[in-house]
């Protein structure tokens, strides 16, 4: 995947994290629901990190 594709996906995932934050801050969810949202958000963070690492690897190949 190209750097630009990774960046686009990271932006999309950051938008999802922002939506999650607004949902949690604006509502009184049950503890289990918040736990599910937290788990999903952390999974997204892991995906972002993987894509960022891929970008770094691509940059390392620049000459």
C-alpha atoms as a PDB file:
ATOM      1  CA  UNK A   1       0.000   0.000   0.000  1.00  0.00           C
ATOM      2  CA  UNK A   2       1.351   3.435  -0.870  1.00  0.00           C
ATOM      3  CA  UNK A   3       2.086   6.163   1.630  1.00  0.00           C
ATOM      4  CA  UNK A   4      -0.869   8.182   0.333  1.00  0.00           C
ATOM      5  CA  UNK A   5      -3.232   5.226   0.744  1.00  0.00           C
ATOM      6  CA  UNK A   6      -2.019   4.656   4.302  1.00  0.00           C
ATOM      7  CA  UNK A   7      -2.443   8.335   5.108  1.00  0.00           C
ATOM      8  CA  UNK A   8      -6.001   8.312   3.741  1.00  0.00           C
ATOM      9  CA  UNK A   9      -6.888   5.275   5.833  1.00  0.00           C
ATOM     10  CA  UNK A  10      -5.307   6.796   8.948  1.00  0.00           C
ATOM     11  CA  UNK A  11      -7.365   9.965   8.449  1.00  0.00           C
ATOM     12  CA  UNK A  12     -10.509   7.881   8.153  1.00  0.00           C
ATOM     13  CA  UNK A  13      -9.660   5.927  11.289  1.00  0.00           C
ATOM     14  CA  UNK A  14      -8.942   9.148  13.196  1.00  0.00           C
ATOM     15  CA  UNK A  15     -12.375  10.422  12.154  1.00  0.00           C
ATOM     16  CA  UNK A  16     -13.926   7.260  13.598  1.00  0.00           C
ATOM     17  CA  UNK A  17     -12.041   7.800  16.868  1.00  0.00           C
ATOM     18  CA  UNK A  18     -13.391  11.357  17.008  1.00  0.00           C
ATOM     19  CA  UNK A  19     -16.913  10.045  16.516  1.00  0.00           C
ATOM     20  CA  UNK A  20     -16.423   7.530  19.322  1.00  0.00           C
ATOM     21  CA  UNK A  21     -15.197  10.284  21.630  1.00  0.00           C
ATOM     22  CA  UNK A  22     -18.220  12.459  20.890  1.00  0.00           C
ATOM     23  CA  UNK A  23     -20.549   9.500  21.460  1.00  0.00           C
ATOM     24  CA  UNK A  24     -19.029   8.589  24.815  1.00  0.00           C
ATOM     25  CA  UNK A  25     -18.738  12.176  26.046  1.00  0.00           C
ATOM     26  CA  UNK A  26     -22.310  13.032  25.094  1.00  0.00           C
ATOM     27  CA  UNK A  27     -24.116   9.975  26.424  1.00  0.00           C
ATOM     28  CA  UNK A  28     -24.530   7.889  29.523  1.00  0.00           C
ATOM     29  CA  UNK A  29     -23.789   4.444  28.142  1.00  0.00           C
ATOM     30  CA  UNK A  30     -23.742   1.354  30.278  1.00  0.00           C
ATOM     31  CA  UNK A  31     -20.337   0.200  31.482  1.00  0.00           C
ATOM     32  CA  UNK A  32     -20.304  -2.746  29.064  1.00  0.00           C
ATOM     33  CA  UNK A  33     -21.105  -0.492  26.115  1.00  0.00           C
ATOM     34  CA  UNK A  34     -18.289   1.892  27.007  1.00  0.00           C
ATOM     35  CA  UNK A  35     -15.956  -1.087  27.371  1.00  0.00           C
ATOM     36  CA  UNK A  36     -16.899  -2.255  23.865  1.00  0.00           C
ATOM     37  CA  UNK A  37     -16.315   1.216  22.437  1.00  0.00           C
ATOM     38  CA  UNK A  38     -12.950   1.416  24.224  1.00  0.00           C
ATOM     39  CA  UNK A  39     -11.956  -1.942  22.798  1.00  0.00           C
ATOM     40  CA  UNK A  40     -12.915  -0.868  19.295  1.00  0.00           C
ATOM     41  CA  UNK A  41     -11.053   2.427  19.697  1.00  0.00           C
ATOM     42  CA  UNK A  42      -7.914   0.657  20.892  1.00  0.00           C
ATOM     43  CA  UNK A  43      -8.112  -1.735  17.933  1.00  0.00           C
ATOM     44  CA  UNK A  44      -8.293   1.265  15.619  1.00  0.00           C
ATOM     45  CA  UNK A  45      -5.244   2.760  17.349  1.00  0.00           C
ATOM     46  CA  UNK A  46      -3.370  -0.485  16.711  1.00  0.00           C
ATOM     47  CA  UNK A  47      -4.361  -0.327  13.036  1.00  0.00           C
ATOM     48  CA  UNK A  48      -3.151   3.271  12.844  1.00  0.00           C
ATOM     49  CA  UNK A  49       0.175   2.277  14.393  1.00  0.00           C
ATOM     50  CA  UNK A  50       0.591  -0.546  11.872  1.00  0.00           C
ATOM     51  CA  UNK A  51      -0.075   1.846   8.998  1.00  0.00           C
ATOM     52  CA  UNK A  52       2.316   4.442  10.456  1.00  0.00           C
ATOM     53  CA  UNK A  53       5.002   1.756  10.711  1.00  0.00           C
ATOM     54  CA  UNK A  54       4.358   0.899   7.061  1.00  0.00           C
ATOM     55  CA  UNK A  55       4.802   4.551   6.134  1.00  0.00           C
ATOM     56  CA  UNK A  56       8.101   4.631   8.039  1.00  0.00           C
ATOM     57  CA  UNK A  57       9.270   1.546   6.149  1.00  0.00           C
ATOM     58  CA  UNK A  58       8.405   3.216   2.841  1.00  0.00           C
ATOM     59  CA  UNK A  59      10.321   6.337   3.880  1.00  0.00           C
ATOM     60  CA  UNK A  60      13.348   4.194   4.746  1.00  0.00           C
ATOM     61  CA  UNK A  61      13.385   3.057   1.112  1.00  0.00           C
ATOM     62  CA  UNK A  62      13.717   6.597  -0.208  1.00  0.00           C
ATOM     63  CA  UNK A  63      17.063   7.244  -1.856  1.00  0.00           C
END
